[in-house]
Protein backbone atom coordinates (compact mmCIF):
# COMPACT_ATOMS: atom_id res chain seq x y z
CA MET A 1 -68.22 3.81 14.97
CA GLY A 2 -67.25 5.40 11.64
CA THR A 3 -63.47 5.64 10.63
CA SER A 4 -62.28 8.07 8.16
CA LEU A 5 -60.16 7.41 4.98
CA GLY A 6 -57.16 9.48 6.60
CA GLU A 7 -56.98 7.15 9.51
CA PHE A 8 -55.48 4.24 7.21
CA GLY A 9 -53.25 7.14 5.23
CA PRO A 10 -49.33 7.36 6.29
CA THR A 11 -49.90 10.18 8.44
CA ALA A 12 -47.05 11.89 10.18
CA SER A 13 -48.17 10.94 13.75
CA VAL A 14 -47.66 7.08 13.17
CA ALA A 15 -44.21 7.80 11.47
CA GLU A 16 -43.48 10.12 14.81
CA ALA A 17 -44.77 7.36 17.00
CA ALA A 18 -42.53 4.55 15.39
CA GLY A 19 -39.35 7.01 16.15
CA PRO A 20 -36.53 8.23 14.25
CA GLN A 21 -35.04 5.27 12.90
CA VAL A 22 -38.39 4.48 11.20
CA ARG A 23 -38.59 7.96 10.00
CA ARG A 24 -34.93 7.77 8.46
CA ASN A 25 -36.07 4.57 6.54
CA ASP A 26 -38.87 5.95 5.03
CA LEU A 27 -36.84 8.78 4.00
CA ALA A 28 -34.38 6.00 2.58
CA LEU A 29 -37.32 4.57 0.86
CA ARG A 30 -38.75 7.62 -0.92
CA SER A 31 -35.48 8.54 -2.47
CA SER A 32 -35.65 4.90 -4.11
CA LYS A 33 -35.23 5.17 -8.08
CA ILE A 34 -38.40 3.96 -9.63
CA MET A 35 -38.53 2.94 -13.28
CA ILE A 36 -41.56 2.27 -15.23
CA VAL A 37 -41.81 0.67 -18.34
CA ASP A 38 -45.35 0.94 -20.25
CA ASP A 39 -46.36 1.65 -24.04
CA GLU A 40 -49.26 3.72 -22.90
CA PRO A 41 -47.96 7.09 -21.62
CA THR A 42 -51.01 7.62 -19.93
CA ASN A 43 -50.32 4.60 -17.55
CA VAL A 44 -46.78 6.07 -16.75
CA LYS A 45 -48.05 9.59 -16.09
CA VAL A 46 -50.76 8.26 -13.56
CA ALA A 47 -48.65 5.68 -11.91
CA ARG A 48 -45.90 8.34 -11.75
CA LYS A 49 -48.15 11.06 -10.32
CA TYR A 50 -49.37 8.50 -7.43
CA LEU A 51 -45.87 7.86 -6.52
CA ALA A 52 -45.17 11.57 -6.40
CA MET A 53 -47.92 12.34 -4.20
CA GLU A 54 -46.59 9.99 -1.75
CA GLY A 55 -43.10 11.51 -1.58
CA TYR A 56 -41.37 9.57 -4.26
CA GLU A 57 -39.00 11.81 -6.23
CA SER A 58 -36.75 9.85 -8.54
CA PHE A 59 -38.02 8.24 -11.42
CA VAL A 60 -36.95 6.77 -14.93
CA VAL A 61 -39.66 6.01 -17.21
CA THR A 62 -40.12 5.05 -20.97
CA THR A 63 -42.94 3.88 -23.36
CA ASP A 64 -40.32 2.10 -25.41
CA ALA A 65 -40.13 -1.41 -24.44
CA ARG A 66 -36.60 -1.61 -26.69
CA GLU A 67 -35.12 0.92 -24.17
CA ALA A 68 -35.86 -1.07 -21.11
CA LEU A 69 -32.92 -3.10 -20.76
CA ALA A 70 -30.20 -0.49 -21.60
CA LEU A 71 -32.26 2.01 -19.01
CA VAL A 72 -32.06 -0.62 -16.24
CA ASP A 73 -28.43 -1.24 -17.03
CA ARG A 74 -27.50 2.20 -17.09
CA GLU A 75 -29.86 3.67 -14.03
CA CYS A 76 -29.66 0.82 -11.84
CA PRO A 77 -33.24 1.25 -10.52
CA ASP A 78 -34.34 0.15 -7.08
CA ILE A 79 -37.60 -1.41 -8.31
CA LEU A 80 -39.35 -1.76 -12.00
CA LEU A 81 -42.87 -1.35 -12.90
CA LEU A 82 -43.19 -3.34 -16.05
CA ASP A 83 -46.26 -4.04 -18.14
CA ILE A 84 -46.57 -7.08 -20.04
CA MET A 85 -48.40 -6.47 -23.02
CA MET A 86 -46.35 -4.14 -25.39
CA PRO A 87 -45.23 -4.00 -28.91
CA HIS A 88 -41.71 -5.11 -30.12
CA VAL A 89 -40.73 -6.57 -26.59
CA SER A 90 -42.82 -8.24 -23.97
CA GLY A 91 -42.97 -7.63 -20.55
CA LEU A 92 -41.94 -11.39 -19.92
CA GLU A 93 -38.99 -11.06 -22.32
CA ILE A 94 -37.91 -8.12 -20.51
CA LEU A 95 -38.20 -10.00 -17.22
CA SER A 96 -36.20 -12.95 -18.35
CA ALA A 97 -33.52 -10.78 -19.66
CA VAL A 98 -33.17 -9.06 -16.45
CA ARG A 99 -32.99 -11.87 -14.36
CA LYS A 100 -30.24 -13.34 -16.67
CA ASN A 101 -28.08 -10.49 -15.98
CA GLU A 102 -25.94 -10.55 -13.25
CA ARG A 103 -26.30 -6.58 -12.27
CA SER A 104 -30.09 -6.88 -12.16
CA VAL A 105 -30.85 -10.26 -10.69
CA HIS A 106 -31.92 -9.24 -7.69
CA LEU A 107 -34.11 -6.30 -9.30
CA PRO A 108 -37.56 -6.14 -7.65
CA VAL A 109 -39.94 -6.23 -10.27
CA VAL A 110 -43.63 -5.66 -10.25
CA ILE A 111 -45.84 -6.72 -13.16
CA LEU A 112 -48.55 -4.25 -14.30
CA THR A 113 -51.15 -6.06 -16.35
CA ALA A 114 -54.75 -5.92 -17.50
CA ALA A 115 -54.21 -9.68 -18.30
CA ASN A 116 -56.07 -12.19 -16.00
CA GLU A 117 -54.97 -15.27 -17.69
CA GLN A 118 -53.37 -17.31 -15.00
CA SER A 119 -50.91 -19.14 -17.41
CA ILE A 120 -49.12 -15.27 -18.14
CA LYS A 121 -49.18 -14.79 -14.23
CA ARG A 122 -47.45 -18.26 -13.50
CA GLN A 123 -44.90 -17.52 -16.27
CA ALA A 124 -44.13 -14.19 -14.60
CA ILE A 125 -44.03 -16.02 -11.25
CA GLU A 126 -41.55 -18.58 -12.48
CA LEU A 127 -39.51 -15.67 -14.36
CA GLY A 128 -39.04 -14.09 -10.85
CA ALA A 129 -41.80 -11.31 -10.75
CA SER A 130 -41.74 -9.77 -7.05
CA ASP A 131 -45.54 -8.72 -7.16
CA PHE A 132 -48.35 -7.99 -9.71
CA LEU A 133 -50.70 -5.23 -10.01
CA SER A 134 -53.82 -4.77 -12.05
CA LYS A 135 -54.45 -2.14 -14.44
CA PRO A 136 -55.94 0.38 -14.31
CA VAL A 137 -53.99 0.92 -11.33
CA ASP A 138 -55.48 1.81 -7.96
CA PRO A 139 -53.14 4.09 -5.66
CA SER A 140 -54.82 2.12 -2.60
CA GLU A 141 -52.70 -0.98 -4.04
CA LEU A 142 -50.06 0.78 -6.02
CA ILE A 143 -48.64 2.56 -2.71
CA PRO A 144 -48.22 -0.40 -0.22
CA ARG A 145 -47.23 -2.77 -2.70
CA VAL A 146 -44.03 -0.46 -4.05
CA ARG A 147 -43.38 0.17 -0.40
CA ASN A 148 -43.59 -3.19 0.60
CA VAL A 149 -41.31 -4.34 -2.12
CA LEU A 150 -39.02 -1.43 -1.37
CA ILE A 151 -38.72 -2.65 2.36
CA VAL A 152 -37.67 -6.18 1.17
CA LYS A 153 -34.95 -4.63 -1.03
CA GLN A 154 -33.96 -2.22 1.40
CA HIS A 155 -33.33 -5.17 4.08
CA ALA A 156 -31.69 -7.21 1.28
CA ASP A 157 -29.35 -4.43 0.23
CA HIS A 158 -28.38 -4.03 4.19
CA LEU A 159 -27.75 -7.84 4.51
CA GLU A 160 -25.54 -7.54 1.13
CA LYS A 161 -23.59 -4.71 2.55
CA TYR A 162 -23.17 -6.34 5.75
CA SER A 163 -22.11 -9.66 4.01
CA GLN A 164 -19.48 -7.67 2.31
CA GLU A 165 -18.18 -5.87 5.09
CA LEU A 166 -17.77 -9.17 7.23
CA GLU A 167 -16.03 -10.57 4.27
CA ALA A 168 -13.41 -7.70 3.99
CA GLU A 169 -13.12 -8.07 7.74
CA VAL A 170 -12.55 -11.92 7.59
CA LEU A 171 -10.06 -11.37 4.69
CA ARG A 172 -8.40 -8.45 6.74
CA ARG A 173 -8.22 -10.82 9.84
CA THR A 174 -7.11 -13.48 7.93
CA ALA A 175 -4.43 -11.61 6.40
CA GLU A 176 -3.10 -10.40 9.95
CA LEU A 177 -3.20 -13.97 11.28
CA ALA A 178 -1.13 -14.94 8.16
CA ARG A 179 1.49 -12.20 8.58
CA SER A 180 1.74 -12.92 12.43
CA ARG A 181 2.09 -16.48 11.50
CA GLN A 182 4.89 -15.92 9.38
CA GLU A 183 6.56 -13.41 11.56
CA VAL A 184 6.17 -16.03 14.49
CA ILE A 185 7.92 -18.87 12.21
CA HIS A 186 10.60 -16.57 11.18
CA CYS A 187 11.26 -15.39 14.80
CA LEU A 188 11.51 -19.11 15.51
CA ALA A 189 13.74 -19.72 12.76
CA ARG A 190 15.82 -17.21 13.41
CA ALA A 191 16.15 -18.10 17.17
CA ALA A 192 17.85 -21.07 15.96
CA GLU A 193 19.86 -19.46 13.18
CA PHE A 194 21.19 -16.66 15.55
CA ARG A 195 23.33 -19.57 17.15
CA ASP A 196 25.82 -19.41 14.41
CA ASP A 197 24.47 -16.94 11.98
CA ASP A 198 24.22 -13.48 13.31
CA THR A 199 21.81 -12.26 10.44
CA GLY A 200 19.06 -14.75 10.29
CA ARG A 201 19.22 -14.23 6.44
CA HIS A 202 20.07 -17.81 5.55
CA VAL A 203 16.67 -18.64 6.77
CA LEU A 204 15.09 -16.39 4.37
CA ARG A 205 17.03 -17.52 1.54
CA VAL A 206 16.51 -21.41 2.03
CA GLY A 207 12.71 -20.71 2.21
CA ARG A 208 12.77 -18.67 -0.74
CA TYR A 209 15.32 -21.06 -2.89
CA ALA A 210 12.79 -24.02 -1.82
CA ARG A 211 9.87 -22.19 -3.08
CA LEU A 212 11.29 -21.02 -6.52
CA VAL A 213 12.31 -24.98 -6.93
CA ALA A 214 9.00 -25.96 -5.54
CA GLU A 215 7.39 -23.79 -8.02
CA GLU A 216 9.26 -25.07 -10.87
CA LEU A 217 8.15 -28.49 -10.23
CA GLY A 218 4.60 -27.48 -10.15
CA TRP A 219 3.35 -26.70 -6.82
CA ARG A 220 0.76 -23.91 -6.77
CA GLY A 221 -0.77 -21.16 -4.18
CA GLU A 222 -0.92 -22.20 -0.60
CA GLN A 223 1.36 -25.28 -1.04
CA LEU A 224 4.10 -22.76 -2.06
CA GLU A 225 3.73 -20.35 0.88
CA MET A 226 3.48 -23.42 2.95
CA LEU A 227 6.77 -24.64 1.85
CA GLU A 228 8.59 -21.25 1.83
CA GLN A 229 7.77 -20.74 5.69
CA ALA A 230 8.24 -24.51 6.61
CA ALA A 231 11.55 -24.53 5.02
CA GLN A 232 12.87 -21.78 7.42
CA LEU A 233 12.71 -24.05 10.01
CA HIS A 234 14.95 -26.86 8.41
CA ASP A 235 17.68 -26.34 11.45
CA ILE A 236 15.35 -25.22 14.57
CA GLY A 237 16.85 -28.59 16.01
CA LYS A 238 19.96 -26.40 16.56
CA ILE A 239 18.38 -25.04 19.47
CA GLY A 240 19.11 -28.16 21.26
CA ILE A 241 22.77 -28.27 20.07
CA PRO A 242 25.70 -27.23 22.81
CA ASP A 243 27.45 -23.86 21.52
CA SER A 244 30.56 -25.87 22.01
CA ILE A 245 29.73 -28.08 18.99
CA LEU A 246 27.43 -25.81 17.14
CA LEU A 247 30.03 -22.78 17.07
CA LYS A 248 33.21 -24.90 16.62
CA PRO A 249 35.11 -23.85 13.71
CA GLY A 250 36.44 -27.35 12.78
CA LYS A 251 39.51 -26.25 11.36
CA LEU A 252 40.31 -28.81 8.27
CA GLU A 253 43.77 -30.23 6.75
CA PRO A 254 44.41 -28.97 3.25
CA GLU A 255 43.71 -32.27 1.82
CA GLU A 256 40.20 -32.53 3.64
CA MET A 257 39.39 -29.23 2.53
CA GLU A 258 40.12 -29.94 -0.99
CA MET A 259 38.20 -33.02 -0.72
CA MET A 260 35.37 -31.01 0.80
CA ARG A 261 34.89 -28.72 -2.00
CA LYS A 262 34.66 -31.28 -4.38
CA HIS A 263 32.44 -33.41 -2.49
CA SER A 264 28.39 -33.26 -2.93
CA ALA A 265 27.78 -33.41 0.67
CA PHE A 266 29.65 -30.28 1.32
CA GLY A 267 27.27 -29.27 4.31
CA LYS A 268 27.78 -32.76 5.98
CA LYS A 269 31.86 -32.49 5.61
CA ILE A 270 32.48 -29.28 7.47
CA THR A 271 31.95 -31.35 10.51
CA GLN A 272 34.53 -34.13 9.72
CA SER A 273 36.96 -32.67 12.17
CA ILE A 274 34.65 -32.83 15.13
CA PRO A 275 34.97 -36.07 17.43
CA GLU A 276 32.48 -38.80 16.48
CA HIS A 277 30.82 -38.43 19.84
CA ASP A 278 30.27 -34.75 19.06
CA LEU A 279 29.28 -35.28 15.48
CA ASN A 280 26.56 -37.80 16.56
CA VAL A 281 24.91 -35.08 18.75
CA LEU A 282 25.27 -32.54 16.42
CA ARG A 283 23.48 -35.11 13.73
CA ARG A 284 20.84 -35.25 16.40
CA HIS A 285 19.46 -31.83 15.78
CA THR A 286 17.21 -33.03 12.90
CA GLU A 287 15.65 -35.61 15.41
CA LEU A 288 15.43 -32.28 18.22
CA GLY A 289 13.86 -30.21 15.31
CA SER A 290 11.25 -32.95 14.48
CA ARG A 291 10.38 -33.61 17.95
CA LEU A 292 9.90 -29.53 18.75
CA LEU A 293 7.52 -29.42 15.69
CA GLU A 294 5.53 -32.68 15.44
CA THR A 295 3.48 -32.46 18.31
CA THR A 296 1.06 -29.98 16.63
CA GLU A 297 -2.13 -29.77 14.30
CA SER A 298 -0.76 -26.99 12.19
CA PRO A 299 -0.24 -28.10 8.74
CA ILE A 300 3.02 -25.80 8.12
CA LEU A 301 4.53 -26.85 11.43
CA ALA A 302 3.72 -30.78 10.25
CA LEU A 303 5.48 -29.79 6.99
CA ALA A 304 8.56 -28.09 8.74
CA ALA A 305 8.84 -31.10 11.12
CA THR A 306 9.10 -33.35 7.98
CA ILE A 307 11.65 -31.07 6.82
CA ALA A 308 13.91 -31.01 9.61
CA MET A 309 13.89 -34.62 9.80
CA SER A 310 14.85 -35.19 5.97
CA HIS A 311 16.63 -32.49 4.48
CA HIS A 312 20.09 -34.20 5.51
CA GLU A 313 19.00 -37.46 3.77
CA LYS A 314 20.71 -38.23 0.55
CA TRP A 315 19.28 -39.72 -2.81
CA ASN A 316 21.57 -42.51 -2.72
CA GLY A 317 20.60 -43.76 1.12
CA THR A 318 23.96 -42.06 2.93
CA GLY A 319 22.23 -39.30 4.69
CA TYR A 320 21.19 -39.08 8.15
CA PRO A 321 19.28 -39.61 10.55
CA LEU A 322 17.29 -42.49 8.98
CA CYS A 323 19.30 -43.27 5.81
CA LEU A 324 16.40 -43.04 3.38
CA ALA A 325 16.91 -43.39 -0.37
CA GLY A 326 15.29 -42.03 -3.52
CA GLU A 327 11.52 -41.38 -3.42
CA ASP A 328 11.26 -42.53 0.15
CA ILE A 329 12.72 -39.26 1.09
CA PRO A 330 9.82 -36.47 1.54
CA ILE A 331 9.93 -34.26 -1.54
CA ALA A 332 9.88 -31.04 0.69
CA GLY A 333 13.07 -32.73 2.35
CA ARG A 334 14.78 -33.07 -1.03
CA ILE A 335 13.88 -29.58 -2.12
CA THR A 336 15.19 -28.01 0.91
CA ALA A 337 18.41 -30.24 0.76
CA VAL A 338 19.46 -28.41 -2.52
CA ALA A 339 18.44 -25.20 -1.26
CA ASP A 340 20.51 -25.63 2.06
CA VAL A 341 23.59 -27.02 0.63
CA PHE A 342 23.66 -24.41 -1.77
CA ASP A 343 23.10 -21.44 0.58
CA ALA A 344 26.05 -23.13 2.76
CA LEU A 345 28.19 -23.21 -0.23
CA SER A 346 27.47 -19.71 -1.30
CA SER A 347 27.58 -17.97 2.01
CA LYS A 348 30.57 -17.16 4.17
CA ARG A 349 31.30 -18.76 7.21
CA PRO A 350 33.94 -18.79 9.89
CA TYR A 351 35.50 -21.92 8.47
CA LYS A 352 35.12 -21.13 4.56
CA PRO A 353 34.71 -18.16 2.20
CA ALA A 354 31.69 -17.81 0.25
CA PHE A 355 32.04 -19.81 -2.89
CA PRO A 356 31.56 -18.35 -6.64
CA PHE A 357 28.02 -18.70 -7.90
CA ASP A 358 29.45 -21.22 -10.67
CA LYS A 359 31.55 -23.26 -8.36
CA CYS A 360 28.15 -23.75 -6.06
CA ILE A 361 26.62 -24.99 -9.22
CA GLN A 362 29.24 -27.32 -9.99
CA ILE A 363 29.61 -28.74 -6.51
CA LEU A 364 25.80 -29.29 -6.65
CA GLU A 365 25.95 -30.87 -10.06
CA ASP A 366 28.71 -33.22 -8.53
CA GLY A 367 26.05 -34.47 -6.13
CA ARG A 368 23.35 -35.48 -8.74
CA GLY A 369 21.92 -38.83 -7.95
CA SER A 370 24.01 -39.19 -4.99
CA HIS A 371 23.11 -36.49 -2.63
CA PHE A 372 20.73 -34.80 -4.65
CA ASP A 373 17.32 -35.79 -6.51
CA PRO A 374 18.24 -35.12 -10.19
CA LEU A 375 14.64 -33.78 -10.95
CA VAL A 376 14.94 -31.05 -8.02
CA LEU A 377 18.38 -30.28 -9.04
CA ASP A 378 17.35 -29.54 -12.59
CA ALA A 379 14.72 -27.49 -11.22
CA PHE A 380 16.98 -25.81 -9.37
CA PHE A 381 19.15 -24.64 -12.11
CA ARG A 382 16.14 -23.57 -14.53
CA ARG A 383 15.61 -21.08 -11.82
CA ARG A 384 19.10 -19.99 -11.93
CA GLN A 385 18.63 -16.41 -12.59
CA GLU A 386 15.86 -16.05 -9.71
CA ILE A 387 18.38 -17.73 -7.54
CA ALA A 388 20.87 -15.38 -8.10
CA GLN A 389 18.50 -12.40 -7.64
CA THR A 390 17.53 -13.85 -4.14
CA GLN A 391 21.04 -13.98 -3.13
CA ILE A 392 21.47 -10.38 -3.77
CA ARG A 393 18.30 -9.50 -2.17
CA TYR A 394 18.93 -11.35 1.10
CA ALA A 395 22.39 -10.80 1.11
CA ASP A 396 24.40 -10.94 4.41
CA PRO A 397 25.62 -7.62 5.79
CA GLU A 398 29.43 -7.16 5.62
């Protein structure tokens, strides 16, 4: 039984039978921008005419190979029909340059050539040619080959767009999780801090001070983010301390107060008027805090557990609870120790007024080599201006 040529053509009945989605895809293909580069005007005219008869409307053409790369860069075509044998610049040179350009590296390139040499075709394939068409161009080959290449590009573009959308969504969700994690950590830190500080800004200041010091010491990126959040949990163990101890003003005699103001371990001295038994319980807040945080696989909470356990240790080994000394004390604990004591000195408390900035600095300096790691202390002092700005930004309300 005979078959007419029309039965093989792109008839409306085939598209309709395929459904509306196929018709939409077909329209999208025909809106593609086709670039033709051939030094023979007749070849350009013929190829363009065949494609226009098929419904393609957008063309960029040139017979001067020297213009090709600039046109590709400016017009961003969806497909390039490229002659090989041209004066000034060969098609292979253009193809090579196209593949080296980040903007056009994935541009489909169909080679138009009258050459039958296998070496030329192999070289074109190695440079990334998408397909070949022999000249003179046969419309029965041109149309389906262009269509097939454009369909592949359409799918590639769809996947690229989906990948970008997916990446944007992942970044958005990651940012949401980071914000949620930060809010949870801050709420947990404030839950402990509200026991004896009804603003909860102490933990924010300590976290920021710790970050500034660590940055001065060379920490970068995620390390800084983790430290700032983990340092906010330094006193989470207060949750386990009875109010009768935690909220006791601890009024000191004048001689004890004078000694306290000069002593480097100010944070510890304010508890001296508490009975020894109660003092031991209060000191246990470091162990309580560490136990609250240590049963986790979260890097931030693991760091927070280390800080909770070590921020009352002293450089000379007279701190608590483990009497660690020098570099045996984790660096995050040494950093937080300076940040925490400075904030205790510079903040108003029921048992003391806020000390002037210079006096706080002097008391910290008095603790050099005894309470504080000298290198950490120097880093704190070098960020003095930003420390003062943080004080102002996160100041407790009157």
